[in-house]
């Protein structure tokens, strides 16, 4: 998990381009989603973190976003994750 405040924008863009960062999350709400999610783009920088994989986000106690990961969210809500 990488905090947005702990990485420079150029490094962040490079890691996203190389697909080293694939998901973003909100530390206050404990929600993760895709990098192009409308909800995720509106969050404050100090609350934003980045993950390499969904597995990493889930291991850290984050739940899927209901907007961009609706299928995964439904599974989580029904207790399958």
PDB file of N, CA and C in Angstrom:
ATOM      1  N   UNK A   1       0.851  -1.171   0.000  1.00  0.00           N
ATOM      2  CA  UNK A   1       0.000   0.000   0.000  1.00  0.00           C
ATOM      3  C   UNK A   1       0.898   1.235   0.000  1.00  0.00           C
ATOM      4  N   UNK A   2       0.591   2.153  -0.882  1.00  0.00           N
ATOM      5  CA  UNK A   2       1.360   3.391  -1.008  1.00  0.00           C
ATOM      6  C   UNK A   2       0.418   4.563  -0.756  1.00  0.00           C
ATOM      7  N   UNK A   3       0.764   5.428   0.181  1.00  0.00           N
ATOM      8  CA  UNK A   3      -0.035   6.625   0.437  1.00  0.00           C
ATOM      9  C   UNK A   3       0.270   7.652  -0.645  1.00  0.00           C
ATOM     10  N   UNK A   4      -0.773   8.331  -1.101  1.00  0.00           N
ATOM     11  CA  UNK A   4      -0.600   9.317  -2.174  1.00  0.00           C
ATOM     12  C   UNK A   4       0.357  10.430  -1.750  1.00  0.00           C
ATOM     13  N   UNK A   5       0.302  10.821  -0.498  1.00  0.00           N
ATOM     14  CA  UNK A   5       1.191  11.895  -0.023  1.00  0.00           C
ATOM     15  C   UNK A   5       2.648  11.454   0.040  1.00  0.00           C
ATOM     16  N   UNK A   6       2.908  10.143  -0.004  1.00  0.00           N
ATOM     17  CA  UNK A   6       4.277   9.627   0.120  1.00  0.00           C
ATOM     18  C   UNK A   6       4.964   9.357  -1.221  1.00  0.00           C
ATOM     19  N   UNK A   7       4.312   9.680  -2.327  1.00  0.00           N
ATOM     20  CA  UNK A   7       4.890   9.402  -3.643  1.00  0.00           C
ATOM     21  C   UNK A   7       4.768  10.645  -4.523  1.00  0.00           C
ATOM     22  N   UNK A   8       5.813  10.920  -5.270  1.00  0.00           N
ATOM     23  CA  UNK A   8       5.772  12.060  -6.198  1.00  0.00           C
ATOM     24  C   UNK A   8       4.891  11.706  -7.394  1.00  0.00           C
ATOM     25  N   UNK A   9       4.290  12.721  -7.992  1.00  0.00           N
ATOM     26  CA  UNK A   9       3.385  12.503  -9.128  1.00  0.00           C
ATOM     27  C   UNK A   9       4.075  11.803 -10.297  1.00  0.00           C
ATOM     28  N   UNK A  10       5.328  12.159 -10.567  1.00  0.00           N
ATOM     29  CA  UNK A  10       6.028  11.529 -11.689  1.00  0.00           C
ATOM     30  C   UNK A  10       6.246  10.037 -11.422  1.00  0.00           C
ATOM     31  N   UNK A  11       6.613   9.704 -10.187  1.00  0.00           N
ATOM     32  CA  UNK A  11       6.797   8.299  -9.807  1.00  0.00           C
ATOM     33  C   UNK A  11       5.472   7.551  -9.856  1.00  0.00           C
ATOM     34  N   UNK A  12       4.413   8.192  -9.384  1.00  0.00           N
ATOM     35  CA  UNK A  12       3.083   7.587  -9.406  1.00  0.00           C
ATOM     36  C   UNK A  12       2.655   7.272 -10.837  1.00  0.00           C
ATOM     37  N   UNK A  13       2.783   8.228 -11.727  1.00  0.00           N
ATOM     38  CA  UNK A  13       2.389   8.027 -13.123  1.00  0.00           C
ATOM     39  C   UNK A  13       3.222   6.918 -13.782  1.00  0.00           C
ATOM     40  N   UNK A  14       4.491   6.859 -13.450  1.00  0.00           N
ATOM     41  CA  UNK A  14       5.362   5.817 -14.007  1.00  0.00           C
ATOM     42  C   UNK A  14       4.917   4.434 -13.533  1.00  0.00           C
ATOM     43  N   UNK A  15       4.582   4.315 -12.251  1.00  0.00           N
ATOM     44  CA  UNK A  15       4.155   3.014 -11.724  1.00  0.00           C
ATOM     45  C   UNK A  15       2.801   2.596 -12.275  1.00  0.00           C
ATOM     46  N   UNK A  16       1.914   3.556 -12.487  1.00  0.00           N
ATOM     47  CA  UNK A  16       0.614   3.239 -13.094  1.00  0.00           C
ATOM     48  C   UNK A  16       0.817   2.779 -14.538  1.00  0.00           C
ATOM     49  N   UNK A  17       1.672   3.471 -15.265  1.00  0.00           N
ATOM     50  CA  UNK A  17       1.943   3.120 -16.657  1.00  0.00           C
ATOM     51  C   UNK A  17       2.557   1.726 -16.779  1.00  0.00           C
ATOM     52  N   UNK A  18       3.409   1.366 -15.821  1.00  0.00           N
ATOM     53  CA  UNK A  18       4.043   0.047 -15.815  1.00  0.00           C
ATOM     54  C   UNK A  18       3.134  -1.026 -15.196  1.00  0.00           C
ATOM     55  N   UNK A  19       1.923  -0.628 -14.797  1.00  0.00           N
ATOM     56  CA  UNK A  19       0.930  -1.509 -14.175  1.00  0.00           C
ATOM     57  C   UNK A  19       1.414  -2.092 -12.841  1.00  0.00           C
ATOM     58  N   UNK A  20       2.263  -1.322 -12.138  1.00  0.00           N
ATOM     59  CA  UNK A  20       2.688  -1.701 -10.796  1.00  0.00           C
ATOM     60  C   UNK A  20       1.648  -1.262  -9.766  1.00  0.00           C
ATOM     61  N   UNK A  21       0.858  -0.255 -10.122  1.00  0.00           N
ATOM     62  CA  UNK A  21      -0.261   0.208  -9.304  1.00  0.00           C
ATOM     63  C   UNK A  21      -1.518   0.025 -10.141  1.00  0.00           C
ATOM     64  N   UNK A  22      -2.488  -0.713  -9.605  1.00  0.00           N
ATOM     65  CA  UNK A  22      -3.693  -1.022 -10.378  1.00  0.00           C
ATOM     66  C   UNK A  22      -4.991  -0.563  -9.715  1.00  0.00           C
ATOM     67  N   UNK A  23      -4.955  -0.302  -8.409  1.00  0.00           N
ATOM     68  CA  UNK A  23      -6.166   0.075  -7.679  1.00  0.00           C
ATOM     69  C   UNK A  23      -5.866   1.210  -6.711  1.00  0.00           C
ATOM     70  N   UNK A  24      -6.912   1.984  -6.425  1.00  0.00           N
ATOM     71  CA  UNK A  24      -6.810   3.058  -5.448  1.00  0.00           C
ATOM     72  C   UNK A  24      -7.787   2.817  -4.329  1.00  0.00           C
ATOM     73  N   UNK A  25      -7.532   3.430  -3.177  1.00  0.00           N
ATOM     74  CA  UNK A  25      -8.418   3.238  -2.045  1.00  0.00           C
ATOM     75  C   UNK A  25      -8.532   4.484  -1.190  1.00  0.00           C
ATOM     76  N   UNK A  26      -9.554   4.483  -0.340  1.00  0.00           N
ATOM     77  CA  UNK A  26      -9.811   5.570   0.581  1.00  0.00           C
ATOM     78  C   UNK A  26      -9.595   5.046   1.996  1.00  0.00           C
ATOM     79  N   UNK A  27      -8.606   5.604   2.701  1.00  0.00           N
ATOM     80  CA  UNK A  27      -8.266   5.107   4.031  1.00  0.00           C
ATOM     81  C   UNK A  27      -9.348   5.385   5.065  1.00  0.00           C
ATOM     82  N   UNK A  28     -10.073   6.456   4.917  1.00  0.00           N
ATOM     83  CA  UNK A  28     -11.141   6.781   5.882  1.00  0.00           C
ATOM     84  C   UNK A  28     -12.326   5.833   5.728  1.00  0.00           C
ATOM     85  N   UNK A  29     -12.712   5.545   4.495  1.00  0.00           N
ATOM     86  CA  UNK A  29     -13.888   4.705   4.241  1.00  0.00           C
ATOM     87  C   UNK A  29     -13.544   3.234   4.087  1.00  0.00           C
ATOM     88  N   UNK A  30     -12.245   2.921   3.923  1.00  0.00           N
ATOM     89  CA  UNK A  30     -11.771   1.538   3.714  1.00  0.00           C
ATOM     90  C   UNK A  30     -12.420   0.909   2.472  1.00  0.00           C
ATOM     91  N   UNK A  31     -12.442   1.689   1.376  1.00  0.00           N
ATOM     92  CA  UNK A  31     -13.001   1.239   0.096  1.00  0.00           C
ATOM     93  C   UNK A  31     -11.895   1.294  -0.943  1.00  0.00           C
ATOM     94  N   UNK A  32     -11.834   0.291  -1.824  1.00  0.00           N
ATOM     95  CA  UNK A  32     -10.872   0.323  -2.937  1.00  0.00           C
ATOM     96  C   UNK A  32     -11.635   0.190  -4.245  1.00  0.00           C
ATOM     97  N   UNK A  33     -11.019   0.694  -5.321  1.00  0.00           N
ATOM     98  CA  UNK A  33     -11.638   0.611  -6.634  1.00  0.00           C
ATOM     99  C   UNK A  33     -10.612   0.815  -7.740  1.00  0.00           C
ATOM    100  N   UNK A  34     -11.111   0.878  -8.966  1.00  0.00           N
ATOM    101  CA  UNK A  34     -10.238   1.073 -10.113  1.00  0.00           C
ATOM    102  C   UNK A  34      -9.717   2.510 -10.129  1.00  0.00           C
ATOM    103  N   UNK A  35      -8.658   2.730 -10.860  1.00  0.00           N
ATOM    104  CA  UNK A  35      -8.053   4.058 -10.910  1.00  0.00           C
ATOM    105  C   UNK A  35      -8.878   5.055 -11.707  1.00  0.00           C
ATOM    106  N   UNK A  36      -9.786   4.581 -12.544  1.00  0.00           N
ATOM    107  CA  UNK A  36     -10.599   5.504 -13.340  1.00  0.00           C
ATOM    108  C   UNK A  36     -12.017   5.668 -12.787  1.00  0.00           C
ATOM    109  N   UNK A  37     -12.253   5.266 -11.561  1.00  0.00           N
ATOM    110  CA  UNK A  37     -13.571   5.386 -10.929  1.00  0.00           C
ATOM    111  C   UNK A  37     -13.889   6.847 -10.625  1.00  0.00           C
ATOM    112  N   UNK A  38     -15.096   7.261 -10.941  1.00  0.00           N
ATOM    113  CA  UNK A  38     -15.510   8.642 -10.682  1.00  0.00           C
ATOM    114  C   UNK A  38     -15.476   8.962  -9.196  1.00  0.00           C
ATOM    115  N   UNK A  39     -15.908   8.040  -8.368  1.00  0.00           N
ATOM    116  CA  UNK A  39     -15.910   8.271  -6.919  1.00  0.00           C
ATOM    117  C   UNK A  39     -14.487   8.423  -6.401  1.00  0.00           C
ATOM    118  N   UNK A  40     -13.595   7.588  -6.876  1.00  0.00           N
ATOM    119  CA  UNK A  40     -12.211   7.626  -6.423  1.00  0.00           C
ATOM    120  C   UNK A  40     -11.488   8.899  -6.816  1.00  0.00           C
ATOM    121  N   UNK A  41     -11.838   9.447  -7.954  1.00  0.00           N
ATOM    122  CA  UNK A  41     -11.173  10.668  -8.420  1.00  0.00           C
ATOM    123  C   UNK A  41     -11.549  11.878  -7.565  1.00  0.00           C
ATOM    124  N   UNK A  42     -12.663  11.795  -6.818  1.00  0.00           N
ATOM    125  CA  UNK A  42     -13.122  12.923  -6.011  1.00  0.00           C
ATOM    126  C   UNK A  42     -12.554  12.924  -4.594  1.00  0.00           C
ATOM    127  N   UNK A  43     -11.909  11.836  -4.180  1.00  0.00           N
ATOM    128  CA  UNK A  43     -11.437  11.772  -2.791  1.00  0.00           C
ATOM    129  C   UNK A  43     -10.244  12.688  -2.562  1.00  0.00           C
ATOM    130  N   UNK A  44     -10.076  13.060  -1.312  1.00  0.00           N
ATOM    131  CA  UNK A  44      -8.968  13.932  -0.933  1.00  0.00           C
ATOM    132  C   UNK A  44      -7.654  13.171  -1.028  1.00  0.00           C
ATOM    133  N   UNK A  45      -6.621  13.883  -1.413  1.00  0.00           N
ATOM    134  CA  UNK A  45      -5.300  13.282  -1.603  1.00  0.00           C
ATOM    135  C   UNK A  45      -4.784  12.637  -0.314  1.00  0.00           C
ATOM    136  N   UNK A  46      -5.044  13.256   0.829  1.00  0.00           N
ATOM    137  CA  UNK A  46      -4.530  12.710   2.083  1.00  0.00           C
ATOM    138  C   UNK A  46      -5.222  11.403   2.488  1.00  0.00           C
ATOM    139  N   UNK A  47      -6.374  11.111   1.900  1.00  0.00           N
ATOM    140  CA  UNK A  47      -7.086   9.860   2.190  1.00  0.00           C
ATOM    141  C   UNK A  47      -6.800   8.770   1.159  1.00  0.00           C
ATOM    142  N   UNK A  48      -6.116   9.097   0.074  1.00  0.00           N
ATOM    143  CA  UNK A  48      -5.932   8.171  -1.047  1.00  0.00           C
ATOM    144  C   UNK A  48      -4.689   7.309  -0.874  1.00  0.00           C
ATOM    145  N   UNK A  49      -4.874   6.016  -1.154  1.00  0.00           N
ATOM    146  CA  UNK A  49      -3.765   5.060  -1.159  1.00  0.00           C
ATOM    147  C   UNK A  49      -3.850   4.246  -2.437  1.00  0.00           C
ATOM    148  N   UNK A  50      -2.769   3.569  -2.770  1.00  0.00           N
ATOM    149  CA  UNK A  50      -2.719   2.769  -3.990  1.00  0.00           C
ATOM    150  C   UNK A  50      -2.301   1.340  -3.665  1.00  0.00           C
ATOM    151  N   UNK A  51      -2.840   0.403  -4.447  1.00  0.00           N
ATOM    152  CA  UNK A  51      -2.564  -1.020  -4.256  1.00  0.00           C
ATOM    153  C   UNK A  51      -2.077  -1.649  -5.556  1.00  0.00           C
ATOM    154  N   UNK A  52      -1.295  -2.689  -5.405  1.00  0.00           N
ATOM    155  CA  UNK A  52      -0.814  -3.461  -6.550  1.00  0.00           C
ATOM    156  C   UNK A  52      -1.927  -4.382  -7.058  1.00  0.00           C
ATOM    157  N   UNK A  53      -2.733  -4.903  -6.136  1.00  0.00           N
ATOM    158  CA  UNK A  53      -3.762  -5.882  -6.523  1.00  0.00           C
ATOM    159  C   UNK A  53      -4.979  -5.778  -5.611  1.00  0.00           C
ATOM    160  N   UNK A  54      -6.060  -6.399  -6.045  1.00  0.00           N
ATOM    161  CA  UNK A  54      -7.261  -6.487  -5.213  1.00  0.00           C
ATOM    162  C   UNK A  54      -6.967  -7.287  -3.951  1.00  0.00           C
ATOM    163  N   UNK A  55      -6.168  -8.326  -4.103  1.00  0.00           N
ATOM    164  CA  UNK A  55      -5.815  -9.179  -2.970  1.00  0.00           C
ATOM    165  C   UNK A  55      -5.164  -8.357  -1.854  1.00  0.00           C
ATOM    166  N   UNK A  56      -4.259  -7.468  -2.227  1.00  0.00           N
ATOM    167  CA  UNK A  56      -3.600  -6.615  -1.243  1.00  0.00           C
ATOM    168  C   UNK A  56      -4.614  -5.719  -0.530  1.00  0.00           C
ATOM    169  N   UNK A  57      -5.534  -5.126  -1.289  1.00  0.00           N
ATOM    170  CA  UNK A  57      -6.545  -4.247  -0.701  1.00  0.00           C
ATOM    171  C   UNK A  57      -7.429  -5.018   0.282  1.00  0.00           C
ATOM    172  N   UNK A  58      -7.860  -6.199  -0.097  1.00  0.00           N
ATOM    173  CA  UNK A  58      -8.716  -7.014   0.760  1.00  0.00           C
ATOM    174  C   UNK A  58      -7.965  -7.437   2.022  1.00  0.00           C
ATOM    175  N   UNK A  59      -6.697  -7.815   1.870  1.00  0.00           N
ATOM    176  CA  UNK A  59      -5.887  -8.208   3.026  1.00  0.00           C
ATOM    177  C   UNK A  59      -5.731  -7.066   4.027  1.00  0.00           C
ATOM    178  N   UNK A  60      -5.780  -5.848   3.545  1.00  0.00           N
ATOM    179  CA  UNK A  60      -5.636  -4.680   4.425  1.00  0.00           C
ATOM    180  C   UNK A  60      -6.984  -4.204   4.969  1.00  0.00           C
ATOM    181  N   UNK A  61      -8.053  -4.947   4.686  1.00  0.00           N
ATOM    182  CA  UNK A  61      -9.353  -4.635   5.258  1.00  0.00           C
ATOM    183  C   UNK A  61     -10.223  -3.688   4.459  1.00  0.00           C
ATOM    184  N   UNK A  62      -9.898  -3.481   3.183  1.00  0.00           N
ATOM    185  CA  UNK A  62     -10.698  -2.610   2.328  1.00  0.00           C
ATOM    186  C   UNK A  62     -11.778  -3.433   1.632  1.00  0.00           C
ATOM    187  N   UNK A  63     -12.908  -2.791   1.353  1.00  0.00           N
ATOM    188  CA  UNK A  63     -13.982  -3.460   0.623  1.00  0.00           C
ATOM    189  C   UNK A  63     -14.075  -2.896  -0.791  1.00  0.00           C
ATOM    190  N   UNK A  64     -14.674  -3.650  -1.734  1.00  0.00           N
ATOM    191  CA  UNK A  64     -14.800  -3.160  -3.117  1.00  0.00           C
ATOM    192  C   UNK A  64     -15.756  -1.965  -3.226  1.00  0.00           C
ATOM    193  N   UNK A  65     -15.491  -1.111  -4.177  1.00  0.00           N
ATOM    194  CA  UNK A  65     -16.343   0.044  -4.480  1.00  0.00           C
ATOM    195  C   UNK A  65     -17.635  -0.438  -5.139  1.00  0.00           C
ATOM    196  N   UNK A  66     -18.751   0.082  -4.696  1.00  0.00           N
ATOM    197  CA  UNK A  66     -20.042  -0.294  -5.272  1.00  0.00           C
ATOM    198  C   UNK A  66     -20.264   0.279  -6.656  1.00  0.00           C
ATOM    199  N   UNK A  67     -19.506   1.300  -7.018  1.00  0.00           N
ATOM    200  CA  UNK A  67     -19.680   1.951  -8.322  1.00  0.00           C
ATOM    201  C   UNK A  67     -18.879   1.251  -9.424  1.00  0.00           C
ATOM    202  N   UNK A  68     -17.586   1.145  -9.249  1.00  0.00           N
ATOM    203  CA  UNK A  68     -16.741   0.632 -10.332  1.00  0.00           C
ATOM    204  C   UNK A  68     -16.495  -0.881 -10.248  1.00  0.00           C
ATOM    205  N   UNK A  69     -16.711  -1.460  -9.090  1.00  0.00           N
ATOM    206  CA  UNK A  69     -16.522  -2.906  -8.907  1.00  0.00           C
ATOM    207  C   UNK A  69     -17.825  -3.519  -8.388  1.00  0.00           C
ATOM    208  N   UNK A  70     -18.901  -3.254  -9.094  1.00  0.00           N
ATOM    209  CA  UNK A  70     -20.228  -3.644  -8.598  1.00  0.00           C
ATOM    210  C   UNK A  70     -20.369  -5.149  -8.374  1.00  0.00           C
ATOM    211  N   UNK A  71     -19.818  -5.978  -9.249  1.00  0.00           N
ATOM    212  CA  UNK A  71     -19.926  -7.432  -9.053  1.00  0.00           C
ATOM    213  C   UNK A  71     -19.184  -7.876  -7.800  1.00  0.00           C
ATOM    214  N   UNK A  72     -17.969  -7.365  -7.610  1.00  0.00           N
ATOM    215  CA  UNK A  72     -17.190  -7.706  -6.423  1.00  0.00           C
ATOM    216  C   UNK A  72     -17.865  -7.164  -5.166  1.00  0.00           C
ATOM    217  N   UNK A  73     -18.472  -5.976  -5.266  1.00  0.00           N
ATOM    218  CA  UNK A  73     -19.177  -5.380  -4.137  1.00  0.00           C
ATOM    219  C   UNK A  73     -20.352  -6.256  -3.718  1.00  0.00           C
ATOM    220  N   UNK A  74     -21.115  -6.742  -4.704  1.00  0.00           N
ATOM    221  CA  UNK A  74     -22.269  -7.606  -4.396  1.00  0.00           C
ATOM    222  C   UNK A  74     -21.813  -8.886  -3.700  1.00  0.00           C
ATOM    223  N   UNK A  75     -20.698  -9.448  -4.155  1.00  0.00           N
ATOM    224  CA  UNK A  75     -20.152 -10.644  -3.499  1.00  0.00           C
ATOM    225  C   UNK A  75     -19.743 -10.322  -2.069  1.00  0.00           C
ATOM    226  N   UNK A  76     -19.076  -9.177  -1.881  1.00  0.00           N
ATOM    227  CA  UNK A  76     -18.650  -8.764  -0.552  1.00  0.00           C
ATOM    228  C   UNK A  76     -19.861  -8.556   0.355  1.00  0.00           C
ATOM    229  N   UNK A  77     -20.873  -7.891  -0.172  1.00  0.00           N
ATOM    230  CA  UNK A  77     -22.067  -7.581   0.615  1.00  0.00           C
ATOM    231  C   UNK A  77     -22.795  -8.852   1.041  1.00  0.00           C
ATOM    232  N   UNK A  78     -22.777  -9.865   0.184  1.00  0.00           N
ATOM    233  CA  UNK A  78     -23.438 -11.123   0.496  1.00  0.00           C
ATOM    234  C   UNK A  78     -22.532 -12.083   1.270  1.00  0.00           C
ATOM    235  N   UNK A  79     -21.340 -11.616   1.612  1.00  0.00           N
ATOM    236  CA  UNK A  79     -20.452 -12.396   2.459  1.00  0.00           C
ATOM    237  C   UNK A  79     -19.611 -13.434   1.753  1.00  0.00           C
ATOM    238  N   UNK A  80     -19.443 -13.305   0.432  1.00  0.00           N
ATOM    239  CA  UNK A  80     -18.650 -14.275  -0.315  1.00  0.00           C
ATOM    240  C   UNK A  80     -17.170 -13.920  -0.392  1.00  0.00           C
ATOM    241  N   UNK A  81     -16.814 -12.703   0.018  1.00  0.00           N
ATOM    242  CA  UNK A  81     -15.394 -12.310   0.006  1.00  0.00           C
ATOM    243  C   UNK A  81     -14.909 -12.257   1.442  1.00  0.00           C
TER     244      UNK A  81
END
